[in-house]
Amino acid sequence: MVFQTGQKNLTGWPTSGLLYIDNGGPVHTVLPVASGTFTLVAGSATVANTAVTAGSQIFITLKTAGGTLGSFPYLPTITPGTGFTVAATGTDTSVYNYSIVG
């Protein structure tokens, strides 16, 4: 790892579930991250993940196509501390990856 002049090695870096942000000064912060997969059943899924917060950004990417793909999945419900629901075309049975940032 290459640091700028004045930067120090971050103790414990990398730590599972945390993305370190270092601006080169003496203070740094961390951004919580989590990820996983889910499978749509008849175009919907409920994903349990306690890492979800009110300010989380949730990103979805296709892993394995299944059924008939139509509209890209969207998140009609996000419940902090619990997880989120996913909806798509009724015949989509694909497997998707997700990443939660923040």
N, C-alpha and C. Protein backbone atom coordinates (compact mmCIF):
# COMPACT_ATOMS: atom_id res chain seq x y z
N MET A 1 0.84 -1.16 0.00
CA MET A 1 0.00 0.00 0.00
C MET A 1 0.89 1.23 0.00
N VAL A 2 0.57 2.21 -0.82
CA VAL A 2 1.35 3.43 -0.92
C VAL A 2 0.58 4.56 -0.24
N PHE A 3 1.25 5.28 0.67
CA PHE A 3 0.65 6.41 1.36
C PHE A 3 1.34 7.70 0.94
N GLN A 4 0.61 8.79 1.05
CA GLN A 4 1.19 10.10 0.80
C GLN A 4 2.03 10.51 2.00
N THR A 5 2.87 11.52 1.82
CA THR A 5 3.67 12.03 2.92
C THR A 5 2.76 12.42 4.07
N GLY A 6 3.07 11.94 5.26
CA GLY A 6 2.27 12.26 6.44
C GLY A 6 1.21 11.23 6.76
N GLN A 7 0.89 10.36 5.82
CA GLN A 7 -0.11 9.33 6.10
C GLN A 7 0.54 8.20 6.89
N LYS A 8 -0.29 7.56 7.70
CA LYS A 8 0.18 6.44 8.50
C LYS A 8 -0.65 5.21 8.16
N ASN A 9 -0.08 4.06 8.42
CA ASN A 9 -0.80 2.82 8.22
C ASN A 9 -2.00 2.79 9.15
N LEU A 10 -3.16 2.41 8.64
CA LEU A 10 -4.36 2.34 9.45
C LEU A 10 -4.37 1.04 10.24
N THR A 11 -4.40 1.14 11.54
CA THR A 11 -4.37 -0.03 12.41
C THR A 11 -5.53 -0.96 12.09
N GLY A 12 -5.22 -2.22 11.87
CA GLY A 12 -6.26 -3.21 11.62
C GLY A 12 -6.81 -3.20 10.21
N TRP A 13 -6.22 -2.44 9.30
CA TRP A 13 -6.75 -2.34 7.95
C TRP A 13 -6.36 -3.55 7.14
N PRO A 14 -7.18 -4.15 6.33
CA PRO A 14 -8.62 -3.88 6.25
C PRO A 14 -9.38 -4.68 7.31
N THR A 15 -10.46 -4.13 7.77
CA THR A 15 -11.31 -4.78 8.75
C THR A 15 -12.58 -5.23 8.05
N SER A 16 -12.99 -6.44 8.29
CA SER A 16 -14.18 -6.97 7.65
C SER A 16 -15.39 -6.09 7.93
N GLY A 17 -16.10 -5.70 6.88
CA GLY A 17 -17.31 -4.91 7.01
C GLY A 17 -17.08 -3.42 7.10
N LEU A 18 -15.83 -2.96 7.01
CA LEU A 18 -15.55 -1.53 7.08
C LEU A 18 -14.63 -1.11 5.94
N LEU A 19 -14.95 0.00 5.31
CA LEU A 19 -14.11 0.57 4.27
C LEU A 19 -13.48 1.83 4.86
N TYR A 20 -12.16 1.82 5.02
CA TYR A 20 -11.47 2.95 5.62
C TYR A 20 -11.34 4.09 4.62
N ILE A 21 -11.55 5.31 5.11
CA ILE A 21 -11.39 6.51 4.30
C ILE A 21 -10.33 7.35 4.99
N ASP A 22 -9.22 7.60 4.30
CA ASP A 22 -8.10 8.33 4.88
C ASP A 22 -7.76 9.50 3.96
N ASN A 23 -7.86 10.71 4.46
CA ASN A 23 -7.58 11.88 3.64
C ASN A 23 -6.14 12.36 3.76
N GLY A 24 -5.29 11.58 4.41
CA GLY A 24 -3.89 11.95 4.54
C GLY A 24 -3.56 12.65 5.84
N GLY A 25 -4.56 13.01 6.60
CA GLY A 25 -4.33 13.67 7.87
C GLY A 25 -4.32 12.67 9.01
N PRO A 26 -4.28 13.19 10.24
CA PRO A 26 -4.21 12.30 11.40
C PRO A 26 -5.54 11.61 11.73
N VAL A 27 -6.64 12.10 11.17
CA VAL A 27 -7.96 11.55 11.47
C VAL A 27 -8.48 10.78 10.26
N HIS A 28 -9.04 9.61 10.49
CA HIS A 28 -9.67 8.85 9.41
C HIS A 28 -11.04 8.39 9.89
N THR A 29 -11.82 7.90 8.98
CA THR A 29 -13.14 7.40 9.33
C THR A 29 -13.37 6.08 8.61
N VAL A 30 -14.46 5.43 8.93
CA VAL A 30 -14.79 4.18 8.25
C VAL A 30 -16.21 4.27 7.71
N LEU A 31 -16.45 3.56 6.64
CA LEU A 31 -17.76 3.48 6.02
C LEU A 31 -18.18 2.02 6.07
N PRO A 32 -19.28 1.69 6.78
CA PRO A 32 -19.70 0.29 6.86
C PRO A 32 -20.12 -0.25 5.49
N VAL A 33 -19.73 -1.47 5.19
CA VAL A 33 -20.13 -2.12 3.95
C VAL A 33 -20.56 -3.56 4.25
N ALA A 34 -21.50 -4.06 3.48
CA ALA A 34 -21.96 -5.45 3.60
C ALA A 34 -22.39 -5.90 2.23
N SER A 35 -22.43 -7.21 2.02
CA SER A 35 -22.86 -7.72 0.71
C SER A 35 -23.41 -9.13 0.85
N GLY A 36 -24.03 -9.59 -0.22
CA GLY A 36 -24.58 -10.94 -0.24
C GLY A 36 -25.28 -11.21 -1.55
N THR A 37 -26.07 -12.25 -1.58
CA THR A 37 -26.86 -12.60 -2.76
C THR A 37 -28.29 -12.89 -2.34
N PHE A 38 -29.19 -12.80 -3.30
CA PHE A 38 -30.57 -13.20 -3.08
C PHE A 38 -31.12 -13.76 -4.39
N THR A 39 -32.15 -14.57 -4.29
CA THR A 39 -32.81 -15.16 -5.45
C THR A 39 -34.25 -14.67 -5.50
N LEU A 40 -34.64 -14.16 -6.63
CA LEU A 40 -36.03 -13.75 -6.80
C LEU A 40 -36.91 -14.98 -6.97
N VAL A 41 -38.06 -14.96 -6.34
CA VAL A 41 -39.06 -16.00 -6.49
C VAL A 41 -40.30 -15.30 -7.01
N ALA A 42 -40.68 -15.63 -8.24
CA ALA A 42 -41.82 -14.97 -8.90
C ALA A 42 -41.66 -13.45 -8.85
N GLY A 43 -40.43 -12.98 -9.04
CA GLY A 43 -40.19 -11.55 -9.16
C GLY A 43 -40.08 -10.78 -7.86
N SER A 44 -39.92 -11.47 -6.72
CA SER A 44 -39.75 -10.72 -5.47
C SER A 44 -38.85 -11.48 -4.50
N ALA A 45 -38.32 -10.74 -3.54
CA ALA A 45 -37.47 -11.33 -2.51
C ALA A 45 -37.47 -10.43 -1.29
N THR A 46 -37.29 -11.04 -0.14
CA THR A 46 -37.07 -10.31 1.11
C THR A 46 -35.66 -10.64 1.56
N VAL A 47 -34.84 -9.62 1.74
CA VAL A 47 -33.44 -9.82 2.10
C VAL A 47 -33.24 -9.33 3.53
N ALA A 48 -32.87 -10.23 4.43
CA ALA A 48 -32.59 -9.87 5.81
C ALA A 48 -31.12 -9.50 5.95
N ASN A 49 -30.86 -8.28 6.40
CA ASN A 49 -29.49 -7.85 6.66
C ASN A 49 -29.54 -6.68 7.65
N THR A 50 -29.04 -6.91 8.85
CA THR A 50 -29.11 -5.90 9.90
C THR A 50 -28.20 -4.71 9.65
N ALA A 51 -27.33 -4.77 8.64
CA ALA A 51 -26.43 -3.66 8.33
C ALA A 51 -27.14 -2.49 7.65
N VAL A 52 -28.37 -2.69 7.20
CA VAL A 52 -29.10 -1.63 6.50
C VAL A 52 -29.44 -0.50 7.48
N THR A 53 -29.14 0.74 7.06
CA THR A 53 -29.52 1.92 7.84
C THR A 53 -30.39 2.81 6.97
N ALA A 54 -30.94 3.85 7.57
CA ALA A 54 -31.79 4.78 6.82
C ALA A 54 -31.00 5.48 5.71
N GLY A 55 -29.69 5.62 5.88
CA GLY A 55 -28.86 6.29 4.88
C GLY A 55 -28.10 5.36 3.96
N SER A 56 -28.37 4.07 4.02
CA SER A 56 -27.65 3.09 3.20
C SER A 56 -27.94 3.28 1.71
N GLN A 57 -26.92 3.01 0.91
CA GLN A 57 -27.07 2.90 -0.53
C GLN A 57 -26.95 1.41 -0.84
N ILE A 58 -27.94 0.86 -1.55
CA ILE A 58 -27.95 -0.57 -1.85
C ILE A 58 -27.82 -0.74 -3.36
N PHE A 59 -26.80 -1.47 -3.77
CA PHE A 59 -26.52 -1.69 -5.19
C PHE A 59 -26.79 -3.15 -5.54
N ILE A 60 -27.43 -3.37 -6.69
CA ILE A 60 -27.81 -4.72 -7.13
C ILE A 60 -27.20 -4.99 -8.50
N THR A 61 -26.61 -6.19 -8.67
CA THR A 61 -26.11 -6.63 -9.97
C THR A 61 -26.54 -8.06 -10.23
N LEU A 62 -26.78 -8.38 -11.47
CA LEU A 62 -27.20 -9.73 -11.86
C LEU A 62 -26.03 -10.70 -11.72
N LYS A 63 -26.28 -11.83 -11.07
CA LYS A 63 -25.27 -12.88 -10.93
C LYS A 63 -25.57 -14.02 -11.90
N THR A 64 -26.78 -14.58 -11.83
CA THR A 64 -27.17 -15.69 -12.69
C THR A 64 -28.60 -15.46 -13.16
N ALA A 65 -28.79 -15.39 -14.47
CA ALA A 65 -30.13 -15.15 -15.02
C ALA A 65 -31.02 -16.38 -14.84
N GLY A 66 -32.29 -16.11 -14.56
CA GLY A 66 -33.27 -17.18 -14.42
C GLY A 66 -34.66 -16.67 -14.76
N GLY A 67 -35.49 -17.53 -15.29
CA GLY A 67 -36.84 -17.10 -15.68
C GLY A 67 -36.77 -16.13 -16.83
N THR A 68 -37.75 -15.23 -16.89
CA THR A 68 -37.78 -14.21 -17.94
C THR A 68 -37.43 -12.87 -17.33
N LEU A 69 -36.30 -12.30 -17.76
CA LEU A 69 -35.87 -11.00 -17.26
C LEU A 69 -36.72 -9.92 -17.90
N GLY A 70 -37.14 -8.98 -17.11
CA GLY A 70 -37.92 -7.86 -17.61
C GLY A 70 -37.36 -6.58 -17.04
N SER A 71 -38.13 -5.95 -16.16
CA SER A 71 -37.66 -4.72 -15.52
C SER A 71 -36.55 -5.06 -14.53
N PHE A 72 -35.59 -4.14 -14.40
CA PHE A 72 -34.52 -4.35 -13.43
C PHE A 72 -35.11 -4.28 -12.04
N PRO A 73 -34.66 -5.13 -11.12
CA PRO A 73 -35.21 -5.12 -9.76
C PRO A 73 -35.05 -3.76 -9.08
N TYR A 74 -36.03 -3.42 -8.27
CA TYR A 74 -35.97 -2.19 -7.48
C TYR A 74 -36.34 -2.53 -6.04
N LEU A 75 -36.10 -1.58 -5.13
CA LEU A 75 -36.31 -1.80 -3.70
C LEU A 75 -37.51 -0.98 -3.22
N PRO A 76 -38.69 -1.59 -3.14
CA PRO A 76 -39.86 -0.84 -2.69
C PRO A 76 -39.83 -0.56 -1.19
N THR A 77 -39.10 -1.37 -0.42
CA THR A 77 -39.07 -1.20 1.03
C THR A 77 -37.65 -1.40 1.56
N ILE A 78 -37.19 -0.43 2.36
CA ILE A 78 -35.93 -0.56 3.08
C ILE A 78 -36.25 -0.33 4.55
N THR A 79 -35.93 -1.30 5.40
CA THR A 79 -36.22 -1.21 6.83
C THR A 79 -34.90 -1.22 7.61
N PRO A 80 -34.50 -0.07 8.17
CA PRO A 80 -33.23 -0.02 8.91
C PRO A 80 -33.15 -1.08 10.00
N GLY A 81 -31.99 -1.73 10.08
CA GLY A 81 -31.75 -2.75 11.08
C GLY A 81 -32.36 -4.10 10.77
N THR A 82 -33.12 -4.19 9.67
CA THR A 82 -33.81 -5.44 9.33
C THR A 82 -33.42 -5.95 7.95
N GLY A 83 -33.55 -5.11 6.92
CA GLY A 83 -33.25 -5.54 5.55
C GLY A 83 -34.06 -4.76 4.54
N PHE A 84 -34.35 -5.41 3.41
CA PHE A 84 -35.07 -4.73 2.33
C PHE A 84 -35.82 -5.75 1.50
N THR A 85 -36.79 -5.25 0.74
CA THR A 85 -37.52 -6.11 -0.20
C THR A 85 -37.15 -5.69 -1.61
N VAL A 86 -37.24 -6.65 -2.51
CA VAL A 86 -36.89 -6.43 -3.91
C VAL A 86 -38.08 -6.86 -4.76
N ALA A 87 -38.36 -6.09 -5.80
CA ALA A 87 -39.44 -6.43 -6.73
C ALA A 87 -38.93 -6.30 -8.16
N ALA A 88 -39.45 -7.14 -9.04
CA ALA A 88 -39.09 -7.12 -10.46
C ALA A 88 -40.24 -7.75 -11.24
N THR A 89 -40.00 -8.08 -12.49
CA THR A 89 -40.98 -8.75 -13.31
C THR A 89 -41.38 -10.07 -12.66
N GLY A 90 -42.66 -10.41 -12.72
CA GLY A 90 -43.20 -11.58 -12.02
C GLY A 90 -42.58 -12.91 -12.37
N THR A 91 -41.92 -13.04 -13.51
CA THR A 91 -41.35 -14.33 -13.88
C THR A 91 -39.83 -14.38 -13.73
N ASP A 92 -39.25 -13.36 -13.11
CA ASP A 92 -37.81 -13.31 -12.90
C ASP A 92 -37.46 -14.19 -11.70
N THR A 93 -36.60 -15.19 -11.92
CA THR A 93 -36.13 -16.07 -10.85
C THR A 93 -34.60 -16.05 -10.76
N SER A 94 -34.02 -14.92 -11.13
CA SER A 94 -32.57 -14.78 -11.18
C SER A 94 -31.96 -14.66 -9.80
N VAL A 95 -30.64 -14.90 -9.76
CA VAL A 95 -29.84 -14.68 -8.56
C VAL A 95 -29.12 -13.35 -8.75
N TYR A 96 -29.17 -12.49 -7.73
CA TYR A 96 -28.55 -11.18 -7.78
C TYR A 96 -27.57 -11.01 -6.62
N ASN A 97 -26.53 -10.22 -6.87
CA ASN A 97 -25.60 -9.79 -5.83
C ASN A 97 -26.10 -8.46 -5.30
N TYR A 98 -25.84 -8.17 -4.04
CA TYR A 98 -26.13 -6.84 -3.52
C TYR A 98 -24.98 -6.38 -2.65
N SER A 99 -24.80 -5.06 -2.61
CA SER A 99 -23.83 -4.43 -1.73
C SER A 99 -24.51 -3.29 -1.01
N ILE A 100 -24.27 -3.21 0.29
CA ILE A 100 -24.81 -2.14 1.12
C ILE A 100 -23.64 -1.26 1.54
N VAL A 101 -23.74 0.03 1.25
CA VAL A 101 -22.71 0.98 1.63
C VAL A 101 -23.33 2.00 2.56
N GLY A 102 -22.78 2.15 3.72
CA GLY A 102 -23.27 3.14 4.69
C GLY A 102 -24.33 2.61 5.59
